[in-house]
Protein backbone atom coordinates (compact mmCIF):
# COMPACT_ATOMS: atom_id res chain seq x y z
CA MET A 1 97.95 118.47 125.00
CA ALA A 2 96.23 120.53 122.31
CA THR A 3 98.02 123.40 120.61
CA LYS A 4 96.05 126.32 119.23
CA VAL A 5 97.33 128.92 116.78
CA SER A 6 95.05 131.93 116.82
CA GLY A 7 94.51 133.76 113.54
CA SER A 8 95.37 137.02 115.28
CA ASN A 9 98.88 135.86 116.20
CA ALA A 10 99.77 133.35 113.46
CA GLY A 11 103.28 134.03 112.22
CA THR A 12 104.43 134.66 108.68
CA GLY A 13 106.85 132.31 106.94
CA ALA A 14 109.86 133.17 104.80
CA HIS A 15 107.78 133.16 101.58
CA GLY A 16 104.82 135.18 102.89
CA GLU A 17 102.71 132.19 103.93
CA VAL A 18 100.71 132.22 107.18
CA ALA A 19 102.20 129.67 109.59
CA LEU A 20 99.38 127.62 111.14
CA ALA A 21 99.42 124.65 113.55
CA ARG A 22 102.56 122.51 113.58
CA GLY A 23 103.46 119.21 115.19
CA GLN A 24 106.40 116.83 115.04
CA SER A 25 105.09 114.96 111.97
CA VAL A 26 102.94 117.50 110.11
CA ALA A 27 102.65 121.27 109.65
CA MET A 28 99.94 123.44 108.15
CA ARG A 29 100.23 126.78 106.38
CA MET A 30 98.01 129.11 104.35
CA TRP A 31 98.78 131.05 101.22
CA ARG A 32 96.45 134.07 101.29
CA ASP A 33 95.54 136.16 98.23
CA GLU A 34 98.61 135.17 96.19
CA ALA A 35 98.49 137.49 93.19
CA PRO A 36 98.55 136.38 89.56
CA GLY A 37 102.02 136.71 88.11
CA THR A 38 103.69 135.50 91.32
CA ASP A 39 104.64 132.17 89.77
CA LYS A 40 106.67 129.91 92.00
CA PRO A 41 110.04 128.63 90.75
CA MET A 42 110.35 124.92 89.87
CA ALA A 43 111.32 123.10 93.07
CA SER A 44 111.53 119.72 94.70
CA ARG A 45 111.05 119.42 98.46
CA PRO A 46 112.01 116.79 101.07
CA TYR A 47 108.40 116.54 102.24
CA GLU A 48 104.97 115.53 100.94
CA THR A 49 102.41 118.34 100.46
CA VAL A 50 98.62 118.15 100.39
CA GLY A 51 96.52 121.24 99.82
CA TYR A 52 92.97 122.56 99.54
CA VAL A 53 91.87 125.57 97.44
CA ILE A 54 89.71 128.09 99.28
CA ALA A 55 89.52 130.78 96.57
CA GLY A 56 91.01 131.64 93.19
CA ARG A 57 92.69 129.47 90.57
CA ALA A 58 96.20 128.20 89.96
CA GLU A 59 97.90 125.72 87.68
CA LEU A 60 100.06 123.12 89.40
CA THR A 61 102.73 121.38 87.33
CA VAL A 62 104.16 118.19 88.86
CA SER A 63 106.82 116.27 86.92
CA GLY A 64 105.55 117.82 83.66
CA GLU A 65 101.83 117.11 84.30
CA LYS A 66 99.61 120.22 84.54
CA VAL A 67 96.56 120.32 86.83
CA LEU A 68 94.10 123.21 87.18
CA LEU A 69 93.29 124.00 90.83
CA GLU A 70 89.96 125.70 91.61
CA PRO A 71 87.92 126.31 94.80
CA GLY A 72 87.03 123.02 96.48
CA ASP A 73 89.89 121.10 94.81
CA SER A 74 92.59 119.35 96.81
CA TRP A 75 95.98 118.13 95.61
CA LEU A 76 99.05 116.12 96.49
CA VAL A 77 102.68 116.79 95.59
CA PRO A 78 104.77 113.71 96.42
CA GLU A 79 108.00 114.11 98.36
CA GLY A 80 110.87 114.92 95.99
CA ALA A 81 108.66 115.65 92.95
CA GLU A 82 109.66 118.61 90.74
CA HIS A 83 106.77 121.07 90.78
CA THR A 84 105.69 124.67 90.32
CA TYR A 85 102.53 126.76 90.71
CA THR A 86 101.27 129.41 88.27
CA ILE A 87 98.76 131.72 89.95
CA LEU A 88 95.88 132.50 87.56
CA GLU A 89 93.64 134.56 89.89
CA ALA A 90 94.08 135.73 93.49
CA PHE A 91 94.71 132.40 95.21
CA THR A 92 94.05 131.30 98.79
CA ALA A 93 94.83 127.74 99.85
CA VAL A 94 95.74 125.72 102.91
CA GLU A 95 98.58 123.18 102.74
CA ALA A 96 99.85 120.50 105.09
CA THR A 97 103.38 119.12 104.81
CA SER A 98 104.82 115.94 106.25
CA PRO A 99 107.37 116.00 107.66
CA PRO A 100 106.93 119.72 108.52
CA ALA A 101 108.35 122.15 105.95
CA ARG A 102 111.25 124.18 107.27
C-alpha cells in the first residue's frame, strides 16, 4: 500500500524540519530555508543519512573533513560519524535516514 504525505499537511519535527514520507526502514525530511548562522552542533547519530541540496550553500564537516554543499550536490554521513553543518546561505535540502531518525 502506498503512503502519501501531502505538502499541505506534512508535520514539523523537533528541530524545525519538515517530516516527509516514512517507512519501517527509511524516512525522509526537508530542511527549508535554514538561515546562515544556525550552525548545527557536532553530533553522531545511530543512522545513516543521505541528502540532496535544493538551494543555498552549507559546509558539512564529517570526522574532521570539510565538504562544501551547493545546489545539485548530494552527500552521505555514515552511521555513527561525528558531523556538523555550517549554513553559509539560506539552505534547503532533502535528507533520507536509515533506519528512520527519531
